[in-house]
N, C-alpha and C. Protein backbone atom coordinates (compact mmCIF):
# COMPACT_ATOMS: atom_id res chain seq x y z
N UNK A 1 -12.18 -0.66 -13.53
CA UNK A 1 -12.37 -1.14 -14.88
C UNK A 1 -11.33 -2.24 -15.16
N UNK A 2 -11.76 -3.27 -15.89
CA UNK A 2 -10.89 -4.39 -16.23
C UNK A 2 -10.42 -4.26 -17.68
N UNK A 3 -9.36 -4.99 -18.00
CA UNK A 3 -8.84 -5.00 -19.36
C UNK A 3 -8.89 -6.44 -19.87
N UNK A 4 -9.51 -6.62 -21.06
CA UNK A 4 -9.64 -7.94 -21.67
C UNK A 4 -8.96 -7.94 -23.03
N UNK A 5 -8.29 -9.06 -23.36
CA UNK A 5 -7.59 -9.19 -24.64
C UNK A 5 -8.19 -10.35 -25.42
N UNK A 6 -8.49 -10.11 -26.69
CA UNK A 6 -8.97 -11.17 -27.58
C UNK A 6 -7.78 -12.07 -27.91
N UNK A 7 -7.90 -13.36 -27.66
CA UNK A 7 -6.79 -14.29 -27.91
C UNK A 7 -6.61 -14.59 -29.40
N UNK A 8 -7.56 -14.16 -30.23
CA UNK A 8 -7.45 -14.40 -31.67
C UNK A 8 -6.70 -13.28 -32.37
N UNK A 9 -7.09 -12.02 -32.10
CA UNK A 9 -6.49 -10.91 -32.85
C UNK A 9 -5.73 -9.91 -31.98
N UNK A 10 -5.86 -10.00 -30.65
CA UNK A 10 -5.16 -9.08 -29.78
C UNK A 10 -5.92 -7.82 -29.43
N UNK A 11 -7.16 -7.69 -29.90
CA UNK A 11 -7.97 -6.52 -29.59
C UNK A 11 -8.07 -6.34 -28.07
N UNK A 12 -7.94 -5.10 -27.61
CA UNK A 12 -8.03 -4.79 -26.19
C UNK A 12 -9.38 -4.13 -25.92
N UNK A 13 -10.08 -4.64 -24.91
CA UNK A 13 -11.38 -4.08 -24.50
C UNK A 13 -11.28 -3.69 -23.03
N UNK A 14 -11.73 -2.49 -22.73
CA UNK A 14 -11.76 -2.03 -21.35
C UNK A 14 -13.21 -1.92 -20.90
N UNK A 15 -13.51 -2.52 -19.76
CA UNK A 15 -14.87 -2.51 -19.23
C UNK A 15 -15.00 -3.50 -18.10
N UNK A 16 -16.21 -3.63 -17.60
CA UNK A 16 -16.45 -4.57 -16.51
C UNK A 16 -16.46 -6.02 -16.99
N UNK A 17 -16.85 -6.22 -18.26
CA UNK A 17 -16.94 -7.56 -18.85
C UNK A 17 -16.41 -7.50 -20.28
N UNK A 18 -15.98 -8.64 -20.83
CA UNK A 18 -15.57 -8.65 -22.23
C UNK A 18 -16.78 -8.44 -23.13
N UNK A 19 -16.58 -7.97 -24.36
CA UNK A 19 -17.72 -7.79 -25.27
C UNK A 19 -18.28 -9.16 -25.68
N UNK A 20 -19.52 -9.18 -26.10
CA UNK A 20 -20.13 -10.43 -26.56
C UNK A 20 -19.43 -10.96 -27.81
N UNK A 21 -19.01 -10.01 -28.67
CA UNK A 21 -18.31 -10.36 -29.91
C UNK A 21 -17.18 -9.37 -30.11
N UNK A 22 -16.01 -9.84 -30.51
CA UNK A 22 -14.88 -8.95 -30.77
C UNK A 22 -15.21 -8.06 -31.96
N UNK A 23 -15.13 -6.74 -31.81
CA UNK A 23 -15.43 -5.85 -32.94
C UNK A 23 -14.38 -5.91 -34.04
N UNK A 24 -13.23 -6.49 -33.73
CA UNK A 24 -12.15 -6.56 -34.70
C UNK A 24 -12.23 -7.82 -35.56
N UNK A 25 -12.32 -9.00 -34.91
CA UNK A 25 -12.27 -10.26 -35.66
C UNK A 25 -13.54 -11.09 -35.55
N UNK A 26 -14.53 -10.61 -34.79
CA UNK A 26 -15.83 -11.26 -34.62
C UNK A 26 -15.78 -12.53 -33.80
N UNK A 27 -14.70 -12.76 -33.05
CA UNK A 27 -14.63 -13.92 -32.17
C UNK A 27 -15.60 -13.76 -31.01
N UNK A 28 -16.01 -14.88 -30.44
CA UNK A 28 -16.98 -14.86 -29.35
C UNK A 28 -16.34 -14.42 -28.03
N UNK A 29 -17.20 -14.12 -27.09
CA UNK A 29 -16.82 -13.63 -25.76
C UNK A 29 -15.82 -14.56 -25.07
N UNK A 30 -15.93 -15.87 -25.28
CA UNK A 30 -15.07 -16.83 -24.60
C UNK A 30 -13.62 -16.77 -25.07
N UNK A 31 -13.34 -16.05 -26.13
CA UNK A 31 -11.96 -15.90 -26.63
C UNK A 31 -11.21 -14.79 -25.91
N UNK A 32 -11.91 -14.04 -25.02
CA UNK A 32 -11.28 -12.95 -24.28
C UNK A 32 -10.74 -13.45 -22.95
N UNK A 33 -9.56 -12.95 -22.59
CA UNK A 33 -9.01 -13.24 -21.28
C UNK A 33 -8.68 -11.92 -20.59
N UNK A 34 -8.83 -11.90 -19.29
CA UNK A 34 -8.50 -10.70 -18.54
C UNK A 34 -6.99 -10.60 -18.41
N UNK A 35 -6.47 -9.39 -18.61
CA UNK A 35 -5.03 -9.19 -18.46
C UNK A 35 -4.79 -8.18 -17.35
N UNK A 36 -3.58 -8.19 -16.85
CA UNK A 36 -3.20 -7.24 -15.80
C UNK A 36 -3.26 -5.83 -16.35
N UNK A 37 -3.51 -4.89 -15.50
CA UNK A 37 -3.64 -3.51 -15.94
C UNK A 37 -2.30 -2.81 -16.10
N UNK A 38 -1.21 -3.59 -16.10
CA UNK A 38 0.09 -2.98 -16.38
C UNK A 38 -0.02 -2.26 -17.72
N UNK A 39 0.61 -1.15 -17.85
CA UNK A 39 0.48 -0.35 -19.07
C UNK A 39 1.33 -0.94 -20.19
N UNK A 40 0.79 -1.97 -20.85
CA UNK A 40 1.50 -2.64 -21.93
C UNK A 40 1.72 -1.72 -23.13
N UNK A 41 0.84 -0.74 -23.30
CA UNK A 41 0.92 0.09 -24.49
C UNK A 41 2.09 1.07 -24.46
N UNK A 42 2.78 1.19 -23.33
CA UNK A 42 3.90 2.11 -23.30
C UNK A 42 5.03 1.65 -24.22
N UNK A 43 5.25 0.33 -24.32
CA UNK A 43 6.31 -0.16 -25.21
C UNK A 43 5.83 -1.28 -26.13
N UNK A 44 4.58 -1.71 -25.99
CA UNK A 44 4.05 -2.80 -26.80
C UNK A 44 2.56 -2.57 -27.02
N UNK A 45 2.09 -2.90 -28.22
CA UNK A 45 0.68 -2.75 -28.52
C UNK A 45 0.21 -3.98 -29.27
N UNK A 46 -0.93 -4.56 -28.86
CA UNK A 46 -1.48 -5.72 -29.54
C UNK A 46 -2.07 -5.30 -30.88
N UNK A 47 -2.00 -6.20 -31.85
CA UNK A 47 -2.64 -5.97 -33.14
C UNK A 47 -4.13 -5.71 -32.90
N UNK A 48 -4.66 -4.71 -33.52
CA UNK A 48 -6.08 -4.41 -33.40
C UNK A 48 -6.45 -3.55 -32.22
N UNK A 49 -5.52 -3.25 -31.35
CA UNK A 49 -5.85 -2.50 -30.14
C UNK A 49 -6.35 -1.09 -30.44
N UNK A 50 -5.84 -0.46 -31.47
CA UNK A 50 -6.22 0.90 -31.78
C UNK A 50 -7.24 0.98 -32.92
N UNK A 51 -7.75 -0.17 -33.35
CA UNK A 51 -8.74 -0.18 -34.43
C UNK A 51 -10.10 0.15 -33.85
N UNK A 52 -10.85 1.00 -34.53
CA UNK A 52 -12.18 1.35 -34.06
C UNK A 52 -13.15 1.33 -35.24
N UNK A 53 -14.41 1.45 -34.95
CA UNK A 53 -15.43 1.28 -35.98
C UNK A 53 -16.45 2.40 -35.95
N UNK A 54 -15.98 3.62 -35.73
CA UNK A 54 -16.87 4.77 -35.69
C UNK A 54 -17.30 5.20 -37.09
N UNK A 55 -18.13 6.23 -37.12
CA UNK A 55 -18.64 6.74 -38.39
C UNK A 55 -17.83 7.90 -38.93
N UNK A 56 -16.82 8.35 -38.17
CA UNK A 56 -15.94 9.43 -38.61
C UNK A 56 -14.51 8.90 -38.64
N UNK A 57 -13.66 9.56 -39.40
CA UNK A 57 -12.25 9.20 -39.42
C UNK A 57 -11.69 9.45 -38.03
N UNK A 58 -11.02 8.46 -37.48
CA UNK A 58 -10.40 8.60 -36.16
C UNK A 58 -8.89 8.50 -36.30
N UNK A 59 -8.19 9.39 -35.63
CA UNK A 59 -6.73 9.41 -35.65
C UNK A 59 -6.27 9.13 -34.22
N UNK A 60 -5.69 7.96 -34.02
CA UNK A 60 -5.31 7.53 -32.68
C UNK A 60 -3.79 7.53 -32.52
N UNK A 61 -3.25 8.48 -31.77
CA UNK A 61 -1.81 8.48 -31.51
C UNK A 61 -1.44 7.40 -30.50
N UNK A 62 -0.20 6.96 -30.52
CA UNK A 62 0.29 6.02 -29.53
C UNK A 62 1.79 6.17 -29.38
N UNK A 63 2.38 5.50 -28.39
CA UNK A 63 3.80 5.62 -28.08
C UNK A 63 4.22 7.08 -27.98
N UNK A 64 3.48 7.83 -27.19
CA UNK A 64 3.68 9.28 -27.12
C UNK A 64 4.98 9.69 -26.44
N UNK A 65 5.70 8.76 -25.87
CA UNK A 65 6.97 9.12 -25.22
C UNK A 65 8.13 9.19 -26.20
N UNK A 66 7.91 8.81 -27.45
CA UNK A 66 8.98 8.92 -28.44
C UNK A 66 9.36 10.39 -28.62
N UNK A 67 10.64 10.66 -28.71
CA UNK A 67 11.10 12.04 -28.79
C UNK A 67 11.09 12.61 -30.21
N UNK A 68 11.26 11.77 -31.22
CA UNK A 68 11.38 12.25 -32.59
C UNK A 68 10.16 11.89 -33.43
N UNK A 69 9.69 10.64 -33.34
CA UNK A 69 8.62 10.14 -34.19
C UNK A 69 7.25 10.29 -33.54
N UNK A 70 6.22 10.44 -34.40
CA UNK A 70 4.83 10.49 -33.95
C UNK A 70 4.03 9.47 -34.74
N UNK A 71 3.76 8.29 -34.14
CA UNK A 71 2.96 7.28 -34.84
C UNK A 71 1.46 7.44 -34.55
N UNK A 72 0.64 7.12 -35.55
CA UNK A 72 -0.81 7.20 -35.43
C UNK A 72 -1.44 6.02 -36.15
N UNK A 73 -2.58 5.56 -35.66
CA UNK A 73 -3.42 4.61 -36.38
C UNK A 73 -4.62 5.40 -36.87
N UNK A 74 -4.85 5.38 -38.18
CA UNK A 74 -6.00 6.04 -38.78
C UNK A 74 -7.07 4.98 -39.05
N UNK A 75 -8.27 5.21 -38.54
CA UNK A 75 -9.43 4.36 -38.79
C UNK A 75 -10.35 5.12 -39.73
N UNK A 76 -10.63 4.53 -40.90
CA UNK A 76 -11.45 5.22 -41.89
C UNK A 76 -12.69 4.41 -42.23
N UNK A 77 -13.86 4.92 -41.87
CA UNK A 77 -15.10 4.23 -42.26
C UNK A 77 -15.20 4.13 -43.78
N UNK A 78 -16.05 3.25 -44.25
CA UNK A 78 -16.24 3.10 -45.69
C UNK A 78 -16.57 4.41 -46.37
N UNK A 79 -15.94 4.62 -47.52
CA UNK A 79 -16.17 5.80 -48.37
C UNK A 79 -15.81 7.13 -47.72
N UNK A 80 -14.97 7.13 -46.69
CA UNK A 80 -14.56 8.39 -46.06
C UNK A 80 -13.30 8.93 -46.72
N UNK A 81 -13.12 10.23 -46.58
CA UNK A 81 -11.99 10.90 -47.24
C UNK A 81 -11.45 12.01 -46.34
N UNK A 82 -10.14 12.11 -46.26
CA UNK A 82 -9.49 13.19 -45.51
C UNK A 82 -9.28 14.39 -46.43
N UNK A 83 -9.29 15.60 -45.88
CA UNK A 83 -9.05 16.78 -46.72
C UNK A 83 -7.59 16.86 -47.17
N UNK A 84 -7.37 17.57 -48.26
CA UNK A 84 -6.00 17.82 -48.73
C UNK A 84 -5.25 18.60 -47.66
N UNK A 85 -4.03 18.19 -47.40
CA UNK A 85 -3.22 18.88 -46.40
C UNK A 85 -1.75 18.60 -46.64
N UNK A 86 -0.92 19.26 -45.86
CA UNK A 86 0.52 19.03 -45.92
C UNK A 86 1.10 19.25 -44.53
N UNK A 87 2.28 18.70 -44.35
CA UNK A 87 3.02 18.89 -43.10
C UNK A 87 4.30 19.63 -43.47
N UNK A 88 4.33 20.95 -43.29
CA UNK A 88 5.45 21.76 -43.76
C UNK A 88 6.81 21.36 -43.19
N UNK A 89 6.84 20.79 -42.00
CA UNK A 89 8.11 20.46 -41.36
C UNK A 89 8.32 18.96 -41.14
N UNK A 90 7.39 18.12 -41.65
CA UNK A 90 7.44 16.71 -41.28
C UNK A 90 7.26 15.77 -42.47
N UNK A 91 8.08 14.73 -42.50
CA UNK A 91 7.88 13.63 -43.44
C UNK A 91 6.81 12.70 -42.85
N UNK A 92 6.17 11.89 -43.71
CA UNK A 92 5.16 10.96 -43.24
C UNK A 92 5.22 9.66 -44.04
N UNK A 93 5.16 8.54 -43.33
CA UNK A 93 5.13 7.22 -43.94
C UNK A 93 3.77 6.60 -43.67
N UNK A 94 3.20 5.91 -44.67
CA UNK A 94 1.91 5.25 -44.54
C UNK A 94 2.09 3.74 -44.75
N UNK A 95 1.46 2.93 -43.88
CA UNK A 95 1.47 1.48 -44.02
C UNK A 95 0.03 0.99 -43.84
N UNK A 96 -0.53 0.40 -44.89
CA UNK A 96 -1.93 -0.03 -44.84
C UNK A 96 -2.03 -1.36 -44.08
N UNK A 97 -2.85 -1.35 -43.05
CA UNK A 97 -3.07 -2.53 -42.21
C UNK A 97 -4.29 -3.31 -42.69
N UNK A 98 -5.34 -2.59 -43.06
CA UNK A 98 -6.59 -3.24 -43.46
C UNK A 98 -7.27 -2.40 -44.52
N UNK A 99 -7.82 -3.05 -45.53
CA UNK A 99 -8.64 -2.36 -46.52
C UNK A 99 -7.88 -1.91 -47.76
N UNK A 100 -8.54 -1.04 -48.49
CA UNK A 100 -8.01 -0.50 -49.75
C UNK A 100 -8.19 1.00 -49.70
N UNK A 101 -7.08 1.73 -49.80
CA UNK A 101 -7.10 3.18 -49.63
C UNK A 101 -6.45 3.85 -50.84
N UNK A 102 -7.11 4.89 -51.33
CA UNK A 102 -6.55 5.69 -52.42
C UNK A 102 -5.80 6.85 -51.80
N UNK A 103 -4.51 6.93 -52.10
CA UNK A 103 -3.68 8.03 -51.62
C UNK A 103 -3.40 8.98 -52.78
N UNK A 104 -3.56 10.27 -52.51
CA UNK A 104 -3.16 11.32 -53.43
C UNK A 104 -1.92 11.95 -52.80
N UNK A 105 -0.78 11.82 -53.49
CA UNK A 105 0.47 12.34 -52.95
C UNK A 105 1.22 13.09 -54.04
N UNK A 106 1.39 14.39 -53.85
CA UNK A 106 2.17 15.21 -54.78
C UNK A 106 1.69 15.07 -56.22
N UNK A 107 0.36 15.11 -56.42
CA UNK A 107 -0.20 15.07 -57.75
C UNK A 107 -0.34 13.68 -58.36
N UNK A 108 0.04 12.65 -57.64
CA UNK A 108 -0.06 11.27 -58.13
C UNK A 108 -1.07 10.51 -57.28
N UNK A 109 -1.72 9.52 -57.89
CA UNK A 109 -2.70 8.70 -57.19
C UNK A 109 -2.18 7.28 -57.09
N UNK A 110 -2.29 6.71 -55.89
CA UNK A 110 -1.87 5.34 -55.63
C UNK A 110 -3.01 4.62 -54.91
N UNK A 111 -3.28 3.38 -55.31
CA UNK A 111 -4.24 2.54 -54.60
C UNK A 111 -3.41 1.55 -53.78
N UNK A 112 -3.51 1.65 -52.46
CA UNK A 112 -2.76 0.77 -51.57
C UNK A 112 -3.70 -0.19 -50.87
N UNK A 113 -3.22 -1.41 -50.68
CA UNK A 113 -3.97 -2.43 -49.95
C UNK A 113 -3.10 -2.94 -48.80
N UNK A 114 -3.63 -3.85 -48.02
CA UNK A 114 -2.93 -4.38 -46.85
C UNK A 114 -1.48 -4.73 -47.16
N UNK A 115 -0.58 -4.17 -46.35
CA UNK A 115 0.84 -4.45 -46.50
C UNK A 115 1.59 -3.47 -47.38
N UNK A 116 0.88 -2.61 -48.11
CA UNK A 116 1.55 -1.64 -48.99
C UNK A 116 1.99 -0.41 -48.21
N UNK A 117 3.03 0.24 -48.72
CA UNK A 117 3.62 1.42 -48.10
C UNK A 117 3.70 2.59 -49.09
N UNK A 118 3.66 3.79 -48.55
CA UNK A 118 3.89 5.01 -49.34
C UNK A 118 4.43 6.06 -48.38
N UNK A 119 4.90 7.18 -48.94
CA UNK A 119 5.33 8.27 -48.07
C UNK A 119 5.07 9.60 -48.74
N UNK A 120 5.00 10.63 -47.91
CA UNK A 120 4.90 12.02 -48.38
C UNK A 120 6.01 12.80 -47.67
N UNK A 121 6.86 13.42 -48.45
CA UNK A 121 7.93 14.25 -47.87
C UNK A 121 7.34 15.52 -47.28
N UNK A 122 8.11 16.16 -46.42
CA UNK A 122 7.62 17.39 -45.80
C UNK A 122 7.23 18.39 -46.87
N UNK A 123 6.11 19.07 -46.64
CA UNK A 123 5.61 20.09 -47.55
C UNK A 123 4.82 19.58 -48.73
N UNK A 124 4.71 18.26 -48.92
CA UNK A 124 4.00 17.70 -50.07
C UNK A 124 2.51 17.57 -49.75
N UNK A 125 1.68 18.09 -50.65
CA UNK A 125 0.23 18.01 -50.47
C UNK A 125 -0.22 16.56 -50.67
N UNK A 126 -1.09 16.09 -49.76
CA UNK A 126 -1.57 14.71 -49.85
C UNK A 126 -2.92 14.57 -49.15
N UNK A 127 -3.60 13.47 -49.45
CA UNK A 127 -4.78 13.05 -48.70
C UNK A 127 -5.00 11.57 -48.96
N UNK A 128 -6.05 11.01 -48.39
CA UNK A 128 -6.33 9.59 -48.51
C UNK A 128 -7.82 9.38 -48.44
N UNK A 129 -8.27 8.31 -49.11
CA UNK A 129 -9.70 8.02 -49.20
C UNK A 129 -9.92 6.51 -49.14
N UNK A 130 -10.82 6.09 -48.27
CA UNK A 130 -11.21 4.68 -48.21
C UNK A 130 -12.16 4.45 -49.38
N UNK A 131 -11.76 3.62 -50.32
CA UNK A 131 -12.57 3.41 -51.53
C UNK A 131 -13.48 2.18 -51.42
N UNK A 132 -13.55 1.59 -50.24
CA UNK A 132 -14.44 0.44 -50.05
C UNK A 132 -15.55 0.79 -49.06
N UNK A 133 -16.46 -0.15 -48.85
CA UNK A 133 -17.53 0.04 -47.87
C UNK A 133 -17.12 -0.40 -46.47
N UNK A 134 -16.00 -1.11 -46.36
CA UNK A 134 -15.52 -1.63 -45.08
C UNK A 134 -14.56 -0.64 -44.41
N UNK A 135 -14.35 -0.80 -43.11
CA UNK A 135 -13.39 0.03 -42.39
C UNK A 135 -11.99 -0.24 -42.95
N UNK A 136 -11.25 0.82 -43.20
CA UNK A 136 -9.84 0.71 -43.61
C UNK A 136 -8.99 1.29 -42.48
N UNK A 137 -7.80 0.72 -42.32
CA UNK A 137 -6.92 1.14 -41.23
C UNK A 137 -5.50 1.25 -41.77
N UNK A 138 -4.82 2.34 -41.40
CA UNK A 138 -3.41 2.44 -41.76
C UNK A 138 -2.60 3.09 -40.65
N UNK A 139 -1.34 2.75 -40.65
CA UNK A 139 -0.37 3.32 -39.73
C UNK A 139 0.28 4.51 -40.42
N UNK A 140 0.37 5.61 -39.70
CA UNK A 140 1.08 6.79 -40.17
C UNK A 140 2.17 7.11 -39.17
N UNK A 141 3.37 7.31 -39.66
CA UNK A 141 4.46 7.72 -38.78
C UNK A 141 5.01 9.03 -39.33
N UNK A 142 4.95 10.07 -38.49
CA UNK A 142 5.42 11.39 -38.87
C UNK A 142 6.63 11.75 -38.03
N UNK A 143 7.49 12.57 -38.57
CA UNK A 143 8.65 13.02 -37.81
C UNK A 143 9.31 14.17 -38.55
N UNK A 144 10.08 14.92 -37.93
CA UNK A 144 10.37 14.94 -36.49
C UNK A 144 9.38 15.86 -35.80
N UNK A 145 9.24 15.68 -34.48
CA UNK A 145 8.34 16.51 -33.70
C UNK A 145 8.87 17.93 -33.62
N UNK A 146 8.03 18.93 -33.45
CA UNK A 146 6.57 18.88 -33.36
C UNK A 146 5.95 18.71 -34.75
N UNK A 147 4.75 18.14 -34.79
CA UNK A 147 4.04 17.91 -36.04
C UNK A 147 3.17 19.12 -36.35
N UNK A 148 3.28 19.60 -37.58
CA UNK A 148 2.45 20.71 -38.01
C UNK A 148 1.65 20.28 -39.24
N UNK A 149 0.40 20.72 -39.32
CA UNK A 149 -0.47 20.38 -40.43
C UNK A 149 -1.10 21.65 -40.96
N UNK A 150 -1.10 21.81 -42.29
CA UNK A 150 -1.78 22.90 -42.94
C UNK A 150 -2.75 22.32 -43.94
N UNK A 151 -4.02 22.73 -43.87
CA UNK A 151 -5.02 22.27 -44.81
C UNK A 151 -4.99 23.14 -46.05
N UNK A 152 -5.21 22.51 -47.20
CA UNK A 152 -5.15 23.19 -48.49
C UNK A 152 -6.56 23.65 -48.86
N UNK A 153 -6.68 24.89 -49.29
CA UNK A 153 -7.99 25.44 -49.65
C UNK A 153 -8.63 24.64 -50.77
N UNK A 154 -9.97 24.55 -50.72
CA UNK A 154 -10.71 23.87 -51.77
C UNK A 154 -10.69 22.36 -51.63
N UNK A 155 -10.26 21.86 -50.49
CA UNK A 155 -10.23 20.41 -50.33
C UNK A 155 -11.51 19.89 -49.74
């Protein structure tokens, strides 16, 4: 299997050939270049590499060799919502990469857009909802390991 990188947005595609159109930025096939299969994601990740366009919320962990922090990219289809939950032993920081997301954190509601940040301290009930029709993406960093999650009844 080969690895191709979009020269416009950095999206990584794995396969025998590059995609006809970049699913991230819609650039044409000719904008992709083949890259060496060296594991770049161990210490570096291209913008858009973990973005996906599925019909369910996807939680993509990365940089798994970190000893304290656990980073994730959340991909949220339009109008999707995560259940209420908390992390009894872990703080969490949110950074919106794409879209508009409604965060419920400790009884308060925040509407975050690209570039905005929020956090939930350990034990604080929270969730998030993509309030648009487009895919929304955010970075979540939790710590310290191990990460524990408890879902709240009635969510």
